[in-house]
Amino acid sequence: MPVSHDLYQDLKCSKEEIQQKRSKDPLLDSLINKYSQADAEVVKAEDAKSSDDAVTKLKAKRLEVKDKIVRQLQLSS
């Protein structure tokens, strides 16, 4: 069964740290919301046994958003 990807573990930050930063940064908040949506789409596609190509495209979209989150966190540090 597909499971949601743990963004906080990837970022090596606690959920509390990220919540504090996103409350002060509207762009970061928006990006994390987009990441959550993209992750849910990946899980749904994997669960529905969508084509490998479709799942790969969704994962690429999720990774793109994660990269933007990383850049935004670096700017706000």
C-alpha atoms as a PDB file:
ATOM      1  CA  MET A   1       0.000   0.000   0.000  1.00  0.00           C
ATOM      2  CA  PRO A   2       1.437   3.407  -0.993  1.00  0.00           C
ATOM      3  CA  VAL A   3       2.250   5.788   1.833  1.00  0.00           C
ATOM      4  CA  SER A   4       2.697   9.531   2.028  1.00  0.00           C
ATOM      5  CA  HIS A   5       6.234  10.869   1.707  1.00  0.00           C
ATOM      6  CA  ASP A   6       7.717  12.408   4.894  1.00  0.00           C
ATOM      7  CA  LEU A   7       8.735  15.929   3.914  1.00  0.00           C
ATOM      8  CA  TYR A   8       9.999  16.817   7.397  1.00  0.00           C
ATOM      9  CA  GLN A   9      12.401  13.893   7.441  1.00  0.00           C
ATOM     10  CA  ASP A  10      13.727  14.870   3.998  1.00  0.00           C
ATOM     11  CA  LEU A  11      14.255  18.441   5.157  1.00  0.00           C
ATOM     12  CA  LYS A  12      15.927  17.235   8.362  1.00  0.00           C
ATOM     13  CA  CYS A  13      13.670  19.560  10.354  1.00  0.00           C
ATOM     14  CA  SER A  14      11.002  18.904  12.910  1.00  0.00           C
ATOM     15  CA  LYS A  15       7.391  19.581  12.090  1.00  0.00           C
ATOM     16  CA  GLU A  16       7.405  22.320  14.736  1.00  0.00           C
ATOM     17  CA  GLU A  17      10.377  24.099  13.129  1.00  0.00           C
ATOM     18  CA  ILE A  18       8.703  24.063   9.736  1.00  0.00           C
ATOM     19  CA  GLN A  19       5.358  25.205  11.164  1.00  0.00           C
ATOM     20  CA  GLN A  20       7.079  28.144  12.838  1.00  0.00           C
ATOM     21  CA  LYS A  21       8.860  29.147   9.610  1.00  0.00           C
ATOM     22  CA  ARG A  22       5.793  28.756   7.436  1.00  0.00           C
ATOM     23  CA  SER A  23       3.714  30.920   9.778  1.00  0.00           C
ATOM     24  CA  LYS A  24       6.156  33.765   9.057  1.00  0.00           C
ATOM     25  CA  ASP A  25       6.598  33.075   5.328  1.00  0.00           C
ATOM     26  CA  PRO A  26       3.483  32.994   3.106  1.00  0.00           C
ATOM     27  CA  LEU A  27       5.440  31.661   0.114  1.00  0.00           C
ATOM     28  CA  LEU A  28       6.836  28.770   2.159  1.00  0.00           C
ATOM     29  CA  ASP A  29       3.347  28.032   3.452  1.00  0.00           C
ATOM     30  CA  SER A  30       1.987  27.977  -0.093  1.00  0.00           C
ATOM     31  CA  LEU A  31       4.797  25.692  -1.283  1.00  0.00           C
ATOM     32  CA  ILE A  32       4.230  23.228   1.557  1.00  0.00           C
ATOM     33  CA  ASN A  33       0.517  23.161   0.730  1.00  0.00           C
ATOM     34  CA  LYS A  34       1.403  22.453  -2.921  1.00  0.00           C
ATOM     35  CA  TYR A  35       3.786  19.700  -1.790  1.00  0.00           C
ATOM     36  CA  SER A  36       1.060  18.067   0.296  1.00  0.00           C
ATOM     37  CA  GLN A  37      -1.300  18.149  -2.676  1.00  0.00           C
ATOM     38  CA  ALA A  38       1.351  16.735  -5.032  1.00  0.00           C
ATOM     39  CA  ASP A  39       2.200  13.996  -2.537  1.00  0.00           C
ATOM     40  CA  ALA A  40      -1.477  13.049  -2.226  1.00  0.00           C
ATOM     41  CA  GLU A  41      -1.687  12.808  -6.027  1.00  0.00           C
ATOM     42  CA  VAL A  42       1.329  10.455  -6.082  1.00  0.00           C
ATOM     43  CA  VAL A  43      -0.180   8.234  -3.388  1.00  0.00           C
ATOM     44  CA  LYS A  44      -3.536   8.180  -5.181  1.00  0.00           C
ATOM     45  CA  ALA A  45      -1.902   7.283  -8.517  1.00  0.00           C
ATOM     46  CA  GLU A  46       0.183   4.532  -6.926  1.00  0.00           C
ATOM     47  CA  ASP A  47      -2.869   3.180  -5.124  1.00  0.00           C
ATOM     48  CA  ALA A  48      -4.880   3.192  -8.353  1.00  0.00           C
ATOM     49  CA  LYS A  49      -2.001   1.367 -10.054  1.00  0.00           C
ATOM     50  CA  SER A  50      -1.677   4.103 -12.658  1.00  0.00           C
ATOM     51  CA  SER A  51       0.885   3.737 -15.423  1.00  0.00           C
ATOM     52  CA  ASP A  52       4.525   4.033 -14.434  1.00  0.00           C
ATOM     53  CA  ASP A  53       4.822   7.073 -16.697  1.00  0.00           C
ATOM     54  CA  ALA A  54       1.963   8.877 -14.922  1.00  0.00           C
ATOM     55  CA  VAL A  55       3.392   8.106 -11.484  1.00  0.00           C
ATOM     56  CA  THR A  56       6.868   9.218 -12.581  1.00  0.00           C
ATOM     57  CA  LYS A  57       5.497  12.555 -13.820  1.00  0.00           C
ATOM     58  CA  LEU A  58       3.661  13.113 -10.537  1.00  0.00           C
ATOM     59  CA  LYS A  59       6.794  12.269  -8.551  1.00  0.00           C
ATOM     60  CA  ALA A  60       8.801  14.732 -10.669  1.00  0.00           C
ATOM     61  CA  LYS A  61       6.221  17.431  -9.923  1.00  0.00           C
ATOM     62  CA  ARG A  62       6.442  16.634  -6.191  1.00  0.00           C
ATOM     63  CA  LEU A  63      10.267  16.796  -6.319  1.00  0.00           C
ATOM     64  CA  GLU A  64      10.147  20.146  -8.108  1.00  0.00           C
ATOM     65  CA  VAL A  65       7.985  21.584  -5.324  1.00  0.00           C
ATOM     66  CA  LYS A  66      10.286  20.095  -2.673  1.00  0.00           C
ATOM     67  CA  ASP A  67      13.284  21.738  -4.345  1.00  0.00           C
ATOM     68  CA  LYS A  68      11.475  25.092  -4.197  1.00  0.00           C
ATOM     69  CA  ILE A  69      10.785  24.518  -0.496  1.00  0.00           C
ATOM     70  CA  VAL A  70      14.473  23.814   0.135  1.00  0.00           C
ATOM     71  CA  ARG A  71      15.463  27.011  -1.701  1.00  0.00           C
ATOM     72  CA  GLN A  72      12.903  29.049   0.239  1.00  0.00           C
ATOM     73  CA  LEU A  73      14.143  27.640   3.546  1.00  0.00           C
ATOM     74  CA  GLN A  74      17.717  28.572   2.595  1.00  0.00           C
ATOM     75  CA  LEU A  75      16.639  32.125   1.760  1.00  0.00           C
ATOM     76  CA  SER A  76      14.817  32.549   5.054  1.00  0.00           C
ATOM     77  CA  SER A  77      17.687  31.191   7.151  1.00  0.00           C
END
